[in-house]
Amino acid sequence: ASRETRQDIELAGGAVLRGTVRAGGGRAVEDARVTLLDAAGNVVDTLTTGADGTFRFIDLSSGEYTVIAAGYPPVATVLQVAGGGRTERDLQLGHQD
């Protein structure tokens, strides 16, 4: 005879980090490469911004991360992400329009 076991578990949602890559004058940058590094310098993920310059990293653990945007001279920003929370950070690329 088969037995069924049921157990409820609670899953902690990962943090979300989102933002917009902008050039001088505030213009959103499409197709900019955005790389997320953990505190040890390991690549967590790399993605490309959409037409509106936005990026979104999901399911992140708590901790310190560095965001690097390239498409012009690269820009790096160190920030703190809280587990289960949402962090938003815009990045300004180096060249003026």
PDB file of N, CA and C in Angstrom:
ATOM      1  N   ALA A   1       0.851  -1.183   0.000  1.00  0.00           N
ATOM      2  CA  ALA A   1       0.000   0.000   0.000  1.00  0.00           C
ATOM      3  C   ALA A   1       0.892   1.239   0.000  1.00  0.00           C
ATOM      4  N   SER A   2       0.520   2.212  -0.800  1.00  0.00           N
ATOM      5  CA  SER A   2       1.324   3.441  -0.855  1.00  0.00           C
ATOM      6  C   SER A   2       0.896   4.394   0.245  1.00  0.00           C
ATOM      7  N   ARG A   3       1.869   5.088   0.776  1.00  0.00           N
ATOM      8  CA  ARG A   3       1.591   6.070   1.824  1.00  0.00           C
ATOM      9  C   ARG A   3       1.931   7.446   1.287  1.00  0.00           C
ATOM     10  N   GLU A   4       1.113   8.384   1.594  1.00  0.00           N
ATOM     11  CA  GLU A   4       1.359   9.763   1.183  1.00  0.00           C
ATOM     12  C   GLU A   4       1.716  10.569   2.416  1.00  0.00           C
ATOM     13  N   THR A   5       2.806  11.293   2.324  1.00  0.00           N
ATOM     14  CA  THR A   5       3.232  12.167   3.409  1.00  0.00           C
ATOM     15  C   THR A   5       3.113  13.591   2.926  1.00  0.00           C
ATOM     16  N   ARG A   6       2.579  14.435   3.749  1.00  0.00           N
ATOM     17  CA  ARG A   6       2.406  15.835   3.376  1.00  0.00           C
ATOM     18  C   ARG A   6       3.067  16.705   4.428  1.00  0.00           C
ATOM     19  N   GLN A   7       3.820  17.691   3.956  1.00  0.00           N
ATOM     20  CA  GLN A   7       4.477  18.616   4.868  1.00  0.00           C
ATOM     21  C   GLN A   7       4.438  20.001   4.245  1.00  0.00           C
ATOM     22  N   ASP A   8       4.008  20.967   5.038  1.00  0.00           N
ATOM     23  CA  ASP A   8       3.998  22.348   4.565  1.00  0.00           C
ATOM     24  C   ASP A   8       5.359  22.964   4.840  1.00  0.00           C
ATOM     25  N   ILE A   9       5.879  23.662   3.854  1.00  0.00           N
ATOM     26  CA  ILE A   9       7.147  24.355   4.034  1.00  0.00           C
ATOM     27  C   ILE A   9       6.968  25.806   3.625  1.00  0.00           C
ATOM     28  N   GLU A  10       7.772  26.646   4.208  1.00  0.00           N
ATOM     29  CA  GLU A  10       7.720  28.063   3.869  1.00  0.00           C
ATOM     30  C   GLU A  10       8.994  28.404   3.113  1.00  0.00           C
ATOM     31  N   LEU A  11       8.838  28.902   1.911  1.00  0.00           N
ATOM     32  CA  LEU A  11       9.977  29.289   1.097  1.00  0.00           C
ATOM     33  C   LEU A  11      10.203  30.784   1.237  1.00  0.00           C
ATOM     34  N   ALA A  12      11.417  31.145   1.543  1.00  0.00           N
ATOM     35  CA  ALA A  12      11.748  32.574   1.632  1.00  0.00           C
ATOM     36  C   ALA A  12      12.024  33.083   0.224  1.00  0.00           C
ATOM     37  N   GLY A  13      11.334  34.143  -0.144  1.00  0.00           N
ATOM     38  CA  GLY A  13      11.542  34.720  -1.467  1.00  0.00           C
ATOM     39  C   GLY A  13      12.879  35.425  -1.537  1.00  0.00           C
ATOM     40  N   GLY A  14      13.532  35.317  -2.670  1.00  0.00           N
ATOM     41  CA  GLY A  14      14.803  35.996  -2.863  1.00  0.00           C
ATOM     42  C   GLY A  14      14.583  37.480  -3.105  1.00  0.00           C
ATOM     43  N   ALA A  15      15.642  38.232  -2.904  1.00  0.00           N
ATOM     44  CA  ALA A  15      15.585  39.677  -3.118  1.00  0.00           C
ATOM     45  C   ALA A  15      15.589  39.984  -4.611  1.00  0.00           C
ATOM     46  N   VAL A  16      15.081  41.153  -4.949  1.00  0.00           N
ATOM     47  CA  VAL A  16      15.059  41.636  -6.330  1.00  0.00           C
ATOM     48  C   VAL A  16      15.859  42.926  -6.391  1.00  0.00           C
ATOM     49  N   LEU A  17      16.722  43.025  -7.384  1.00  0.00           N
ATOM     50  CA  LEU A  17      17.481  44.247  -7.634  1.00  0.00           C
ATOM     51  C   LEU A  17      17.134  44.713  -9.031  1.00  0.00           C
ATOM     52  N   ARG A  18      16.637  45.933  -9.128  1.00  0.00           N
ATOM     53  CA  ARG A  18      16.282  46.462 -10.447  1.00  0.00           C
ATOM     54  C   ARG A  18      16.739  47.901 -10.561  1.00  0.00           C
ATOM     55  N   GLY A  19      16.834  48.365 -11.773  1.00  0.00           N
ATOM     56  CA  GLY A  19      17.249  49.743 -11.993  1.00  0.00           C
ATOM     57  C   GLY A  19      17.243  50.079 -13.470  1.00  0.00           C
ATOM     58  N   THR A  20      17.755  51.251 -13.783  1.00  0.00           N
ATOM     59  CA  THR A  20      17.808  51.740 -15.158  1.00  0.00           C
ATOM     60  C   THR A  20      19.212  52.247 -15.440  1.00  0.00           C
ATOM     61  N   VAL A  21      19.757  51.878 -16.584  1.00  0.00           N
ATOM     62  CA  VAL A  21      21.052  52.393 -17.018  1.00  0.00           C
ATOM     63  C   VAL A  21      20.781  53.623 -17.870  1.00  0.00           C
ATOM     64  N   ARG A  22      21.420  54.732 -17.498  1.00  0.00           N
ATOM     65  CA  ARG A  22      21.210  55.995 -18.205  1.00  0.00           C
ATOM     66  C   ARG A  22      22.535  56.586 -18.655  1.00  0.00           C
ATOM     67  N   ALA A  23      22.489  57.285 -19.783  1.00  0.00           N
ATOM     68  CA  ALA A  23      23.650  58.020 -20.286  1.00  0.00           C
ATOM     69  C   ALA A  23      23.509  59.468 -19.840  1.00  0.00           C
ATOM     70  N   GLY A  24      24.489  60.301 -20.210  1.00  0.00           N
ATOM     71  CA  GLY A  24      24.401  61.719 -19.887  1.00  0.00           C
ATOM     72  C   GLY A  24      23.096  62.302 -20.393  1.00  0.00           C
ATOM     73  N   GLY A  25      22.555  63.242 -19.661  1.00  0.00           N
ATOM     74  CA  GLY A  25      21.273  63.827 -20.039  1.00  0.00           C
ATOM     75  C   GLY A  25      20.087  62.989 -19.603  1.00  0.00           C
ATOM     76  N   GLY A  26      20.341  61.844 -18.949  1.00  0.00           N
ATOM     77  CA  GLY A  26      19.251  61.027 -18.440  1.00  0.00           C
ATOM     78  C   GLY A  26      18.637  60.068 -19.436  1.00  0.00           C
ATOM     79  N   ARG A  27      19.208  59.969 -20.641  1.00  0.00           N
ATOM     80  CA  ARG A  27      18.656  59.076 -21.667  1.00  0.00           C
ATOM     81  C   ARG A  27      18.897  57.618 -21.279  1.00  0.00           C
ATOM     82  N   ALA A  28      17.836  56.797 -21.317  1.00  0.00           N
ATOM     83  CA  ALA A  28      17.953  55.369 -21.023  1.00  0.00           C
ATOM     84  C   ALA A  28      18.813  54.705 -22.093  1.00  0.00           C
ATOM     85  N   VAL A  29      19.660  53.751 -21.674  1.00  0.00           N
ATOM     86  CA  VAL A  29      20.569  53.071 -22.596  1.00  0.00           C
ATOM     87  C   VAL A  29      20.066  51.657 -22.861  1.00  0.00           C
ATOM     88  N   GLU A  30      19.685  51.402 -24.099  1.00  0.00           N
ATOM     89  CA  GLU A  30      19.251  50.078 -24.529  1.00  0.00           C
ATOM     90  C   GLU A  30      20.478  49.220 -24.830  1.00  0.00           C
ATOM     91  N   ASP A  31      20.378  47.928 -24.578  1.00  0.00           N
ATOM     92  CA  ASP A  31      21.426  46.949 -24.882  1.00  0.00           C
ATOM     93  C   ASP A  31      22.729  47.159 -24.118  1.00  0.00           C
ATOM     94  N   ALA A  32      22.674  47.835 -22.964  1.00  0.00           N
ATOM     95  CA  ALA A  32      23.862  47.926 -22.111  1.00  0.00           C
ATOM     96  C   ALA A  32      24.027  46.583 -21.399  1.00  0.00           C
ATOM     97  N   ARG A  33      25.244  46.157 -21.205  1.00  0.00           N
ATOM     98  CA  ARG A  33      25.515  44.897 -20.511  1.00  0.00           C
ATOM     99  C   ARG A  33      25.654  45.190 -19.023  1.00  0.00           C
ATOM    100  N   VAL A  34      24.850  44.514 -18.205  1.00  0.00           N
ATOM    101  CA  VAL A  34      24.864  44.716 -16.756  1.00  0.00           C
ATOM    102  C   VAL A  34      25.282  43.399 -16.099  1.00  0.00           C
ATOM    103  N   THR A  35      26.339  43.469 -15.283  1.00  0.00           N
ATOM    104  CA  THR A  35      26.872  42.285 -14.606  1.00  0.00           C
ATOM    105  C   THR A  35      26.744  42.482 -13.103  1.00  0.00           C
ATOM    106  N   LEU A  36      26.289  41.449 -12.412  1.00  0.00           N
ATOM    107  CA  LEU A  36      26.149  41.474 -10.961  1.00  0.00           C
ATOM    108  C   LEU A  36      27.206  40.556 -10.359  1.00  0.00           C
ATOM    109  N   LEU A  37      28.020  41.107  -9.440  1.00  0.00           N
ATOM    110  CA  LEU A  37      29.053  40.341  -8.748  1.00  0.00           C
ATOM    111  C   LEU A  37      28.695  40.221  -7.274  1.00  0.00           C
ATOM    112  N   ASP A  38      29.022  39.072  -6.663  1.00  0.00           N
ATOM    113  CA  ASP A  38      28.820  38.947  -5.219  1.00  0.00           C
ATOM    114  C   ASP A  38      29.994  39.591  -4.487  1.00  0.00           C
ATOM    115  N   ALA A  39      29.963  39.554  -3.161  1.00  0.00           N
ATOM    116  CA  ALA A  39      30.985  40.228  -2.356  1.00  0.00           C
ATOM    117  C   ALA A  39      32.385  39.673  -2.612  1.00  0.00           C
ATOM    118  N   ALA A  40      32.477  38.415  -3.050  1.00  0.00           N
ATOM    119  CA  ALA A  40      33.774  37.795  -3.330  1.00  0.00           C
ATOM    120  C   ALA A  40      34.268  38.094  -4.742  1.00  0.00           C
ATOM    121  N   GLY A  41      33.445  38.794  -5.529  1.00  0.00           N
ATOM    122  CA  GLY A  41      33.836  39.127  -6.898  1.00  0.00           C
ATOM    123  C   GLY A  41      33.430  38.108  -7.936  1.00  0.00           C
ATOM    124  N   ASN A  42      32.615  37.125  -7.542  1.00  0.00           N
ATOM    125  CA  ASN A  42      32.130  36.117  -8.486  1.00  0.00           C
ATOM    126  C   ASN A  42      30.929  36.648  -9.259  1.00  0.00           C
ATOM    127  N   VAL A  43      30.854  36.316 -10.542  1.00  0.00           N
ATOM    128  CA  VAL A  43      29.720  36.741 -11.361  1.00  0.00           C
ATOM    129  C   VAL A  43      28.486  35.954 -10.947  1.00  0.00           C
ATOM    130  N   VAL A  44      27.431  36.675 -10.558  1.00  0.00           N
ATOM    131  CA  VAL A  44      26.155  36.060 -10.194  1.00  0.00           C
ATOM    132  C   VAL A  44      25.296  35.917 -11.445  1.00  0.00           C
ATOM    133  N   ASP A  45      25.264  36.971 -12.261  1.00  0.00           N
ATOM    134  CA  ASP A  45      24.460  36.965 -13.483  1.00  0.00           C
ATOM    135  C   ASP A  45      24.879  38.132 -14.359  1.00  0.00           C
ATOM    136  N   THR A  46      24.628  38.009 -15.649  1.00  0.00           N
ATOM    137  CA  THR A  46      24.856  39.077 -16.610  1.00  0.00           C
ATOM    138  C   THR A  46      23.633  39.144 -17.505  1.00  0.00           C
ATOM    139  N   LEU A  47      23.184  40.356 -17.790  1.00  0.00           N
ATOM    140  CA  LEU A  47      22.039  40.516 -18.679  1.00  0.00           C
ATOM    141  C   LEU A  47      22.198  41.780 -19.509  1.00  0.00           C
ATOM    142  N   THR A  48      21.261  41.989 -20.411  1.00  0.00           N
ATOM    143  CA  THR A  48      21.266  43.156 -21.292  1.00  0.00           C
ATOM    144  C   THR A  48      20.018  43.972 -21.021  1.00  0.00           C
ATOM    145  N   THR A  49      20.168  45.301 -20.965  1.00  0.00           N
ATOM    146  CA  THR A  49      19.018  46.159 -20.687  1.00  0.00           C
ATOM    147  C   THR A  49      18.033  46.139 -21.848  1.00  0.00           C
ATOM    148  N   GLY A  50      16.778  46.399 -21.510  1.00  0.00           N
ATOM    149  CA  GLY A  50      15.728  46.471 -22.508  1.00  0.00           C
ATOM    150  C   GLY A  50      15.717  47.826 -23.204  1.00  0.00           C
ATOM    151  N   ALA A  51      14.721  48.038 -24.030  1.00  0.00           N
ATOM    152  CA  ALA A  51      14.593  49.283 -24.790  1.00  0.00           C
ATOM    153  C   ALA A  51      14.490  50.498 -23.878  1.00  0.00           C
ATOM    154  N   ASP A  52      13.955  50.300 -22.669  1.00  0.00           N
ATOM    155  CA  ASP A  52      13.800  51.409 -21.720  1.00  0.00           C
ATOM    156  C   ASP A  52      14.983  51.516 -20.758  1.00  0.00           C
ATOM    157  N   GLY A  53      16.059  50.746 -21.010  1.00  0.00           N
ATOM    158  CA  GLY A  53      17.264  50.820 -20.190  1.00  0.00           C
ATOM    159  C   GLY A  53      17.187  50.081 -18.871  1.00  0.00           C
ATOM    160  N   THR A  54      16.108  49.336 -18.639  1.00  0.00           N
ATOM    161  CA  THR A  54      15.934  48.692 -17.336  1.00  0.00           C
ATOM    162  C   THR A  54      16.622  47.331 -17.261  1.00  0.00           C
ATOM    163  N   PHE A  55      16.992  46.968 -16.031  1.00  0.00           N
ATOM    164  CA  PHE A  55      17.535  45.644 -15.746  1.00  0.00           C
ATOM    165  C   PHE A  55      16.875  45.134 -14.474  1.00  0.00           C
ATOM    166  N   ARG A  56      16.891  43.795 -14.295  1.00  0.00           N
ATOM    167  CA  ARG A  56      16.247  43.192 -13.124  1.00  0.00           C
ATOM    168  C   ARG A  56      16.921  41.862 -12.807  1.00  0.00           C
ATOM    169  N   PHE A  57      17.503  41.779 -11.618  1.00  0.00           N
ATOM    170  CA  PHE A  57      18.069  40.531 -11.109  1.00  0.00           C
ATOM    171  C   PHE A  57      17.116  40.018 -10.033  1.00  0.00           C
ATOM    172  N   ILE A  58      16.787  38.727 -10.081  1.00  0.00           N
ATOM    173  CA  ILE A  58      15.814  38.175  -9.138  1.00  0.00           C
ATOM    174  C   ILE A  58      16.433  37.043  -8.320  1.00  0.00           C
ATOM    175  N   ASP A  59      15.740  36.679  -7.248  1.00  0.00           N
ATOM    176  CA  ASP A  59      16.091  35.545  -6.401  1.00  0.00           C
ATOM    177  C   ASP A  59      17.497  35.671  -5.819  1.00  0.00           C
ATOM    178  N   LEU A  60      17.819  36.857  -5.292  1.00  0.00           N
ATOM    179  CA  LEU A  60      19.139  37.111  -4.717  1.00  0.00           C
ATOM    180  C   LEU A  60      19.145  36.845  -3.217  1.00  0.00           C
ATOM    181  N   SER A  61      20.261  36.381  -2.713  1.00  0.00           N
ATOM    182  CA  SER A  61      20.459  36.226  -1.272  1.00  0.00           C
ATOM    183  C   SER A  61      20.831  37.575  -0.679  1.00  0.00           C
ATOM    184  N   SER A  62      20.666  37.715   0.638  1.00  0.00           N
ATOM    185  CA  SER A  62      21.099  38.936   1.320  1.00  0.00           C
ATOM    186  C   SER A  62      22.595  39.092   1.146  1.00  0.00           C
ATOM    187  N   GLY A  63      23.052  40.324   1.107  1.00  0.00           N
ATOM    188  CA  GLY A  63      24.486  40.550   1.046  1.00  0.00           C
ATOM    189  C   GLY A  63      24.857  41.753   0.214  1.00  0.00           C
ATOM    190  N   GLU A  64      26.165  41.916   0.054  1.00  0.00           N
ATOM    191  CA  GLU A  64      26.699  43.039  -0.702  1.00  0.00           C
ATOM    192  C   GLU A  64      26.983  42.579  -2.129  1.00  0.00           C
ATOM    193  N   TYR A  65      26.600  43.405  -3.074  1.00  0.00           N
ATOM    194  CA  TYR A  65      26.806  43.109  -4.485  1.00  0.00           C
ATOM    195  C   TYR A  65      27.434  44.314  -5.173  1.00  0.00           C
ATOM    196  N   THR A  66      28.089  44.054  -6.290  1.00  0.00           N
ATOM    197  CA  THR A  66      28.585  45.117  -7.154  1.00  0.00           C
ATOM    198  C   THR A  66      27.882  44.980  -8.490  1.00  0.00           C
ATOM    199  N   VAL A  67      27.348  46.094  -8.983  1.00  0.00           N
ATOM    200  CA  VAL A  67      26.687  46.121 -10.284  1.00  0.00           C
ATOM    201  C   VAL A  67      27.603  46.857 -11.247  1.00  0.00           C
ATOM    202  N   ILE A  68      27.891  46.242 -12.383  1.00  0.00           N
ATOM    203  CA  ILE A  68      28.737  46.860 -13.397  1.00  0.00           C
ATOM    204  C   ILE A  68      27.920  47.001 -14.670  1.00  0.00           C
ATOM    205  N   ALA A  69      27.852  48.225 -15.195  1.00  0.00           N
ATOM    206  CA  ALA A  69      27.168  48.474 -16.464  1.00  0.00           C
ATOM    207  C   ALA A  69      28.216  48.844 -17.499  1.00  0.00           C
ATOM    208  N   ALA A  70      28.169  48.198 -18.650  1.00  0.00           N
ATOM    209  CA  ALA A  70      29.103  48.487 -19.731  1.00  0.00           C
ATOM    210  C   ALA A  70      28.320  48.780 -21.000  1.00  0.00           C
ATOM    211  N   GLY A  71      28.882  49.561 -21.845  1.00  0.00           N
ATOM    212  CA  GLY A  71      28.243  49.972 -23.083  1.00  0.00           C
ATOM    213  C   GLY A  71      28.875  51.290 -23.469  1.00  0.00           C
ATOM    214  N   TYR A  72      29.443  51.905 -22.510  1.00  0.00           N
ATOM    215  CA  TYR A  72      30.284  53.092 -22.549  1.00  0.00           C
ATOM    216  C   TYR A  72      31.449  52.714 -21.643  1.00  0.00           C
ATOM    217  N   PRO A  73      32.240  53.667 -21.148  1.00  0.00           N
ATOM    218  CA  PRO A  73      33.199  53.248 -20.122  1.00  0.00           C
ATOM    219  C   PRO A  73      32.424  52.591 -18.972  1.00  0.00           C
ATOM    220  N   PRO A  74      32.857  51.405 -18.507  1.00  0.00           N
ATOM    221  CA  PRO A  74      32.100  50.698 -17.462  1.00  0.00           C
ATOM    222  C   PRO A  74      31.947  51.512 -16.181  1.00  0.00           C
ATOM    223  N   VAL A  75      30.825  51.305 -15.516  1.00  0.00           N
ATOM    224  CA  VAL A  75      30.527  51.951 -14.240  1.00  0.00           C
ATOM    225  C   VAL A  75      30.226  50.842 -13.240  1.00  0.00           C
ATOM    226  N   ALA A  76      30.827  50.906 -12.049  1.00  0.00           N
ATOM    227  CA  ALA A  76      30.576  49.898 -11.011  1.00  0.00           C
ATOM    228  C   ALA A  76      30.023  50.585  -9.773  1.00  0.00           C
ATOM    229  N   THR A  77      29.035  49.956  -9.135  1.00  0.00           N
ATOM    230  CA  THR A  77      28.427  50.467  -7.913  1.00  0.00           C
ATOM    231  C   THR A  77      28.306  49.321  -6.923  1.00  0.00           C
ATOM    232  N   VAL A  78      28.757  49.533  -5.685  1.00  0.00           N
ATOM    233  CA  VAL A  78      28.608  48.537  -4.623  1.00  0.00           C
ATOM    234  C   VAL A  78      27.351  48.883  -3.838  1.00  0.00           C
ATOM    235  N   LEU A  79      26.528  47.876  -3.533  1.00  0.00           N
ATOM    236  CA  LEU A  79      25.298  48.121  -2.791  1.00  0.00           C
ATOM    237  C   LEU A  79      24.960  46.935  -1.928  1.00  0.00           C
ATOM    238  N   GLN A  80      24.070  47.149  -0.977  1.00  0.00           N
ATOM    239  CA  GLN A  80      23.627  46.118  -0.037  1.00  0.00           C
ATOM    240  C   GLN A  80      22.217  45.683  -0.419  1.00  0.00           C
ATOM    241  N   VAL A  81      21.974  44.368  -0.466  1.00  0.00           N
ATOM    242  CA  VAL A  81      20.662  43.816  -0.790  1.00  0.00           C
ATOM    243  C   VAL A  81      20.169  43.032   0.417  1.00  0.00           C
ATOM    244  N   ALA A  82      18.925  43.281   0.834  1.00  0.00           N
ATOM    245  CA  ALA A  82      18.324  42.560   1.957  1.00  0.00           C
ATOM    246  C   ALA A  82      17.511  41.395   1.413  1.00  0.00           C
ATOM    247  N   GLY A  83      17.668  40.211   2.020  1.00  0.00           N
ATOM    248  CA  GLY A  83      16.949  39.022   1.583  1.00  0.00           C
ATOM    249  C   GLY A  83      15.449  39.231   1.591  1.00  0.00           C
ATOM    250  N   GLY A  84      14.796  38.823   0.511  1.00  0.00           N
ATOM    251  CA  GLY A  84      13.354  38.959   0.410  1.00  0.00           C
ATOM    252  C   GLY A  84      12.900  40.366   0.114  1.00  0.00           C
ATOM    253  N   GLY A  85      13.813  41.317   0.082  1.00  0.00           N
ATOM    254  CA  GLY A  85      13.449  42.710  -0.169  1.00  0.00           C
ATOM    255  C   GLY A  85      13.632  43.087  -1.620  1.00  0.00           C
ATOM    256  N   ARG A  86      13.418  44.357  -1.876  1.00  0.00           N
ATOM    257  CA  ARG A  86      13.554  44.871  -3.231  1.00  0.00           C
ATOM    258  C   ARG A  86      14.460  46.095  -3.176  1.00  0.00           C
ATOM    259  N   THR A  87      15.484  46.104  -4.001  1.00  0.00           N
ATOM    260  CA  THR A  87      16.425  47.214  -4.061  1.00  0.00           C
ATOM    261  C   THR A  87      16.411  47.777  -5.467  1.00  0.00           C
ATOM    262  N   GLU A  88      16.410  49.088  -5.579  1.00  0.00           N
ATOM    263  CA  GLU A  88      16.419  49.722  -6.890  1.00  0.00           C
ATOM    264  C   GLU A  88      17.609  50.659  -6.973  1.00  0.00           C
ATOM    265  N   ARG A  89      18.353  50.585  -8.073  1.00  0.00           N
ATOM    266  CA  ARG A  89      19.536  51.422  -8.252  1.00  0.00           C
ATOM    267  C   ARG A  89      19.671  51.762  -9.727  1.00  0.00           C
ATOM    268  N   ASP A  90      19.732  53.036 -10.047  1.00  0.00           N
ATOM    269  CA  ASP A  90      19.981  53.477 -11.417  1.00  0.00           C
ATOM    270  C   ASP A  90      21.473  53.707 -11.589  1.00  0.00           C
ATOM    271  N   LEU A  91      21.982  53.428 -12.782  1.00  0.00           N
ATOM    272  CA  LEU A  91      23.395  53.601 -13.087  1.00  0.00           C
ATOM    273  C   LEU A  91      23.549  54.651 -14.175  1.00  0.00           C
ATOM    274  N   GLN A  92      24.469  55.580 -13.974  1.00  0.00           N
ATOM    275  CA  GLN A  92      24.732  56.652 -14.933  1.00  0.00           C
ATOM    276  C   GLN A  92      26.025  56.316 -15.665  1.00  0.00           C
ATOM    277  N   LEU A  93      25.949  56.137 -16.982  1.00  0.00           N
ATOM    278  CA  LEU A  93      27.140  55.836 -17.761  1.00  0.00           C
ATOM    279  C   LEU A  93      27.912  57.106 -18.070  1.00  0.00           C
ATOM    280  N   GLY A  94      29.219  56.934 -18.358  1.00  0.00           N
ATOM    281  CA  GLY A  94      30.157  58.039 -18.425  1.00  0.00           C
ATOM    282  C   GLY A  94      30.027  59.075 -19.513  1.00  0.00           C
ATOM    283  N   HIS A  95      29.679  58.717 -20.740  1.00  0.00           N
ATOM    284  CA  HIS A  95      29.673  59.692 -21.827  1.00  0.00           C
ATOM    285  C   HIS A  95      28.466  60.601 -21.790  1.00  0.00           C
ATOM    286  N   GLN A  96      28.669  61.840 -22.149  1.00  0.00           N
ATOM    287  CA  GLN A  96      27.551  62.771 -22.320  1.00  0.00           C
ATOM    288  C   GLN A  96      26.962  62.543 -23.706  1.00  0.00           C
ATOM    289  N   ASP A  97      25.685  62.829 -23.881  1.00  0.00           N
ATOM    290  CA  ASP A  97      25.046  62.688 -25.201  1.00  0.00           C
ATOM    291  C   ASP A  97      25.551  63.751 -26.143  1.00  0.00           C
TER     292      ASP A  97
END
